[in-house]
Amino acid sequence: MDQLYYEVMAICGSVRFPNMFLTFTCNPNWPEIQRLLKPIHLKPQDHPGIVSRIFKIKFNQLIKDLKNNQIFGKIGAPFSLFFL
């Protein structure tokens, strides 16, 4: 984790500091997760594979919205630098 911090600080030093910091977390009560787990009578902690796949799908959609739809405006730096 320390190494990731140093890498981000190096990027910020060469590009610029970000205007915003987003944290994206998973909610085990998302309807998609509940819909897949309810028929097999399992809890989200019993099947982490389903939870991580749903999270990845939603995370990829967030990235797509940020890049293509520019929901927060135009991105000034190369976008991939900030997703380590």
N, C-alpha and C. Protein backbone atom coordinates (compact mmCIF):
# COMPACT_ATOMS: atom_id res chain seq x y z
N MET A 1 0.82 -1.17 0.00
CA MET A 1 0.00 0.00 0.00
C MET A 1 0.88 1.26 0.00
N ASP A 2 1.97 1.19 0.72
CA ASP A 2 2.89 2.33 0.72
C ASP A 2 3.43 2.61 -0.67
N GLN A 3 3.78 1.54 -1.38
CA GLN A 3 4.33 1.71 -2.73
C GLN A 3 3.30 2.35 -3.66
N LEU A 4 2.04 1.95 -3.55
CA LEU A 4 1.00 2.57 -4.38
C LEU A 4 0.88 4.06 -4.07
N TYR A 5 0.98 4.42 -2.81
CA TYR A 5 0.91 5.83 -2.42
C TYR A 5 2.05 6.61 -3.07
N TYR A 6 3.27 6.06 -3.01
CA TYR A 6 4.42 6.76 -3.61
C TYR A 6 4.25 6.91 -5.12
N GLU A 7 3.69 5.88 -5.76
CA GLU A 7 3.47 5.96 -7.20
C GLU A 7 2.46 7.05 -7.54
N VAL A 8 1.39 7.13 -6.78
CA VAL A 8 0.38 8.16 -7.02
C VAL A 8 0.96 9.55 -6.80
N MET A 9 1.77 9.71 -5.77
CA MET A 9 2.38 11.02 -5.52
C MET A 9 3.34 11.39 -6.65
N ALA A 10 4.05 10.43 -7.20
CA ALA A 10 4.94 10.70 -8.33
C ALA A 10 4.13 11.13 -9.55
N ILE A 11 3.01 10.48 -9.79
CA ILE A 11 2.14 10.85 -10.90
C ILE A 11 1.62 12.27 -10.69
N CYS A 12 1.19 12.57 -9.48
CA CYS A 12 0.66 13.91 -9.19
C CYS A 12 1.74 14.96 -9.37
N GLY A 13 2.97 14.62 -9.07
CA GLY A 13 4.06 15.57 -9.24
C GLY A 13 4.36 15.86 -10.70
N SER A 14 4.15 14.89 -11.57
CA SER A 14 4.45 15.10 -12.99
C SER A 14 3.24 15.60 -13.77
N VAL A 15 2.04 15.26 -13.36
CA VAL A 15 0.84 15.69 -14.09
C VAL A 15 0.21 16.87 -13.36
N ARG A 16 -0.46 16.59 -12.28
CA ARG A 16 -1.03 17.58 -11.36
C ARG A 16 -1.84 16.82 -10.32
N PHE A 17 -2.17 17.51 -9.25
CA PHE A 17 -2.96 16.86 -8.21
C PHE A 17 -4.42 16.77 -8.66
N PRO A 18 -5.09 15.69 -8.28
CA PRO A 18 -6.49 15.53 -8.71
C PRO A 18 -7.41 16.53 -8.01
N ASN A 19 -8.49 16.86 -8.68
CA ASN A 19 -9.51 17.73 -8.10
C ASN A 19 -10.49 16.96 -7.25
N MET A 20 -10.50 15.65 -7.40
CA MET A 20 -11.51 14.83 -6.76
C MET A 20 -10.93 13.45 -6.45
N PHE A 21 -11.41 12.87 -5.38
CA PHE A 21 -11.02 11.51 -5.00
C PHE A 21 -12.29 10.69 -4.82
N LEU A 22 -12.43 9.64 -5.59
CA LEU A 22 -13.62 8.79 -5.51
C LEU A 22 -13.28 7.46 -4.85
N THR A 23 -14.19 7.00 -4.02
CA THR A 23 -14.09 5.67 -3.45
C THR A 23 -15.33 4.90 -3.88
N PHE A 24 -15.11 3.72 -4.43
CA PHE A 24 -16.20 2.90 -4.95
C PHE A 24 -16.20 1.60 -4.16
N THR A 25 -17.27 1.34 -3.44
CA THR A 25 -17.35 0.13 -2.63
C THR A 25 -18.50 -0.76 -3.09
N CYS A 26 -18.47 -1.97 -2.63
CA CYS A 26 -19.50 -2.95 -3.00
C CYS A 26 -20.56 -3.02 -1.91
N ASN A 27 -21.79 -3.14 -2.34
CA ASN A 27 -22.90 -3.31 -1.41
C ASN A 27 -23.48 -4.71 -1.61
N PRO A 28 -23.38 -5.59 -0.61
CA PRO A 28 -23.90 -6.95 -0.77
C PRO A 28 -25.42 -6.99 -0.94
N ASN A 29 -26.10 -5.87 -0.71
CA ASN A 29 -27.55 -5.83 -0.89
C ASN A 29 -27.96 -5.31 -2.27
N TRP A 30 -27.00 -5.15 -3.17
CA TRP A 30 -27.36 -4.77 -4.54
C TRP A 30 -28.35 -5.79 -5.08
N PRO A 31 -29.36 -5.35 -5.81
CA PRO A 31 -30.36 -6.29 -6.32
C PRO A 31 -29.78 -7.39 -7.20
N GLU A 32 -28.74 -7.08 -7.95
CA GLU A 32 -28.13 -8.09 -8.82
C GLU A 32 -27.54 -9.24 -8.01
N ILE A 33 -26.90 -8.90 -6.91
CA ILE A 33 -26.30 -9.93 -6.05
C ILE A 33 -27.40 -10.75 -5.38
N GLN A 34 -28.40 -10.07 -4.83
CA GLN A 34 -29.49 -10.76 -4.16
C GLN A 34 -30.27 -11.67 -5.12
N ARG A 35 -30.46 -11.20 -6.35
CA ARG A 35 -31.21 -11.99 -7.34
C ARG A 35 -30.48 -13.28 -7.67
N LEU A 36 -29.13 -13.24 -7.71
CA LEU A 36 -28.37 -14.44 -8.05
C LEU A 36 -28.23 -15.39 -6.86
N LEU A 37 -28.20 -14.85 -5.64
CA LEU A 37 -27.95 -15.70 -4.48
C LEU A 37 -29.23 -16.24 -3.83
N LYS A 38 -30.34 -15.56 -4.02
CA LYS A 38 -31.58 -15.98 -3.35
C LYS A 38 -32.03 -17.38 -3.76
N PRO A 39 -32.00 -17.74 -5.06
CA PRO A 39 -32.47 -19.09 -5.43
C PRO A 39 -31.63 -20.22 -4.84
N ILE A 40 -30.36 -19.96 -4.56
CA ILE A 40 -29.51 -21.02 -4.01
C ILE A 40 -29.34 -20.89 -2.50
N HIS A 41 -30.10 -19.98 -1.88
CA HIS A 41 -30.15 -19.81 -0.42
C HIS A 41 -28.77 -19.59 0.19
N LEU A 42 -27.99 -18.69 -0.42
CA LEU A 42 -26.68 -18.35 0.10
C LEU A 42 -26.61 -16.87 0.43
N LYS A 43 -25.68 -16.51 1.28
CA LYS A 43 -25.42 -15.12 1.62
C LYS A 43 -24.24 -14.63 0.78
N PRO A 44 -24.08 -13.33 0.61
CA PRO A 44 -22.96 -12.81 -0.20
C PRO A 44 -21.60 -13.31 0.27
N GLN A 45 -21.40 -13.44 1.57
CA GLN A 45 -20.11 -13.92 2.06
C GLN A 45 -19.87 -15.39 1.74
N ASP A 46 -20.92 -16.12 1.38
CA ASP A 46 -20.77 -17.54 1.01
C ASP A 46 -20.29 -17.70 -0.43
N HIS A 47 -20.47 -16.69 -1.25
CA HIS A 47 -20.13 -16.80 -2.67
C HIS A 47 -19.43 -15.51 -3.13
N PRO A 48 -18.17 -15.31 -2.74
CA PRO A 48 -17.47 -14.07 -3.09
C PRO A 48 -17.24 -13.91 -4.59
N GLY A 49 -17.27 -14.99 -5.33
CA GLY A 49 -17.08 -14.89 -6.78
C GLY A 49 -18.18 -14.08 -7.45
N ILE A 50 -19.40 -14.31 -7.05
CA ILE A 50 -20.53 -13.55 -7.61
C ILE A 50 -20.42 -12.09 -7.22
N VAL A 51 -20.09 -11.85 -5.96
CA VAL A 51 -19.98 -10.47 -5.48
C VAL A 51 -18.89 -9.72 -6.23
N SER A 52 -17.74 -10.34 -6.41
CA SER A 52 -16.64 -9.66 -7.10
C SER A 52 -16.95 -9.44 -8.58
N ARG A 53 -17.67 -10.35 -9.21
CA ARG A 53 -18.03 -10.16 -10.62
C ARG A 53 -19.01 -9.01 -10.79
N ILE A 54 -19.99 -8.92 -9.92
CA ILE A 54 -20.95 -7.82 -9.98
C ILE A 54 -20.24 -6.49 -9.71
N PHE A 55 -19.34 -6.49 -8.73
CA PHE A 55 -18.57 -5.28 -8.43
C PHE A 55 -17.77 -4.85 -9.65
N LYS A 56 -17.10 -5.79 -10.31
CA LYS A 56 -16.27 -5.48 -11.48
C LYS A 56 -17.13 -4.91 -12.61
N ILE A 57 -18.30 -5.47 -12.83
CA ILE A 57 -19.20 -4.96 -13.87
C ILE A 57 -19.60 -3.52 -13.56
N LYS A 58 -19.98 -3.25 -12.33
CA LYS A 58 -20.39 -1.90 -11.94
C LYS A 58 -19.20 -0.93 -11.97
N PHE A 59 -18.03 -1.39 -11.58
CA PHE A 59 -16.84 -0.55 -11.61
C PHE A 59 -16.48 -0.19 -13.06
N ASN A 60 -16.53 -1.17 -13.94
CA ASN A 60 -16.24 -0.89 -15.35
C ASN A 60 -17.24 0.11 -15.93
N GLN A 61 -18.49 0.03 -15.52
CA GLN A 61 -19.49 0.99 -16.00
C GLN A 61 -19.18 2.39 -15.47
N LEU A 62 -18.75 2.48 -14.22
CA LEU A 62 -18.35 3.78 -13.66
C LEU A 62 -17.20 4.38 -14.46
N ILE A 63 -16.19 3.58 -14.75
CA ILE A 63 -15.04 4.06 -15.53
C ILE A 63 -15.50 4.51 -16.90
N LYS A 64 -16.38 3.75 -17.54
CA LYS A 64 -16.90 4.12 -18.86
C LYS A 64 -17.64 5.46 -18.78
N ASP A 65 -18.46 5.62 -17.75
CA ASP A 65 -19.19 6.88 -17.59
C ASP A 65 -18.23 8.05 -17.38
N LEU A 66 -17.19 7.84 -16.60
CA LEU A 66 -16.23 8.91 -16.35
C LEU A 66 -15.46 9.29 -17.61
N LYS A 67 -15.07 8.28 -18.38
CA LYS A 67 -14.27 8.53 -19.58
C LYS A 67 -15.10 9.03 -20.75
N ASN A 68 -16.15 8.32 -21.09
CA ASN A 68 -16.89 8.61 -22.32
C ASN A 68 -17.99 9.64 -22.13
N ASN A 69 -18.73 9.51 -21.06
CA ASN A 69 -19.86 10.43 -20.85
C ASN A 69 -19.45 11.70 -20.13
N GLN A 70 -18.23 11.71 -19.60
CA GLN A 70 -17.66 12.88 -18.91
C GLN A 70 -18.64 13.46 -17.89
N ILE A 71 -19.11 12.62 -17.01
CA ILE A 71 -20.12 13.05 -16.05
C ILE A 71 -19.60 14.11 -15.08
N PHE A 72 -18.28 14.19 -14.89
CA PHE A 72 -17.69 15.24 -14.05
C PHE A 72 -16.94 16.27 -14.88
N GLY A 73 -17.11 16.22 -16.19
CA GLY A 73 -16.40 17.16 -17.07
C GLY A 73 -15.23 16.50 -17.76
N LYS A 74 -14.51 17.30 -18.52
CA LYS A 74 -13.38 16.80 -19.29
C LYS A 74 -12.24 16.40 -18.36
N ILE A 75 -11.60 15.31 -18.71
CA ILE A 75 -10.49 14.79 -17.92
C ILE A 75 -9.20 15.41 -18.44
N GLY A 76 -8.43 16.03 -17.55
CA GLY A 76 -7.24 16.76 -17.96
C GLY A 76 -6.00 15.91 -18.12
N ALA A 77 -5.87 14.85 -17.37
CA ALA A 77 -4.68 14.00 -17.40
C ALA A 77 -5.03 12.66 -18.04
N PRO A 78 -4.02 11.92 -18.46
CA PRO A 78 -4.31 10.56 -18.95
C PRO A 78 -5.05 9.78 -17.88
N PHE A 79 -6.20 9.28 -18.23
CA PHE A 79 -7.14 8.71 -17.26
C PHE A 79 -6.59 7.47 -16.56
N SER A 80 -5.89 6.62 -17.29
CA SER A 80 -5.44 5.36 -16.71
C SER A 80 -4.40 5.54 -15.62
N LEU A 81 -3.79 6.70 -15.53
CA LEU A 81 -2.77 6.92 -14.51
C LEU A 81 -3.32 6.87 -13.11
N PHE A 82 -4.58 7.19 -12.94
CA PHE A 82 -5.15 7.31 -11.61
C PHE A 82 -5.84 6.04 -11.12
N PHE A 83 -5.74 4.95 -11.85
CA PHE A 83 -6.36 3.69 -11.42
C PHE A 83 -5.29 2.64 -11.26
N LEU A 84 -4.63 2.67 -10.14
CA LEU A 84 -3.54 1.72 -9.87
C LEU A 84 -4.05 0.52 -9.13
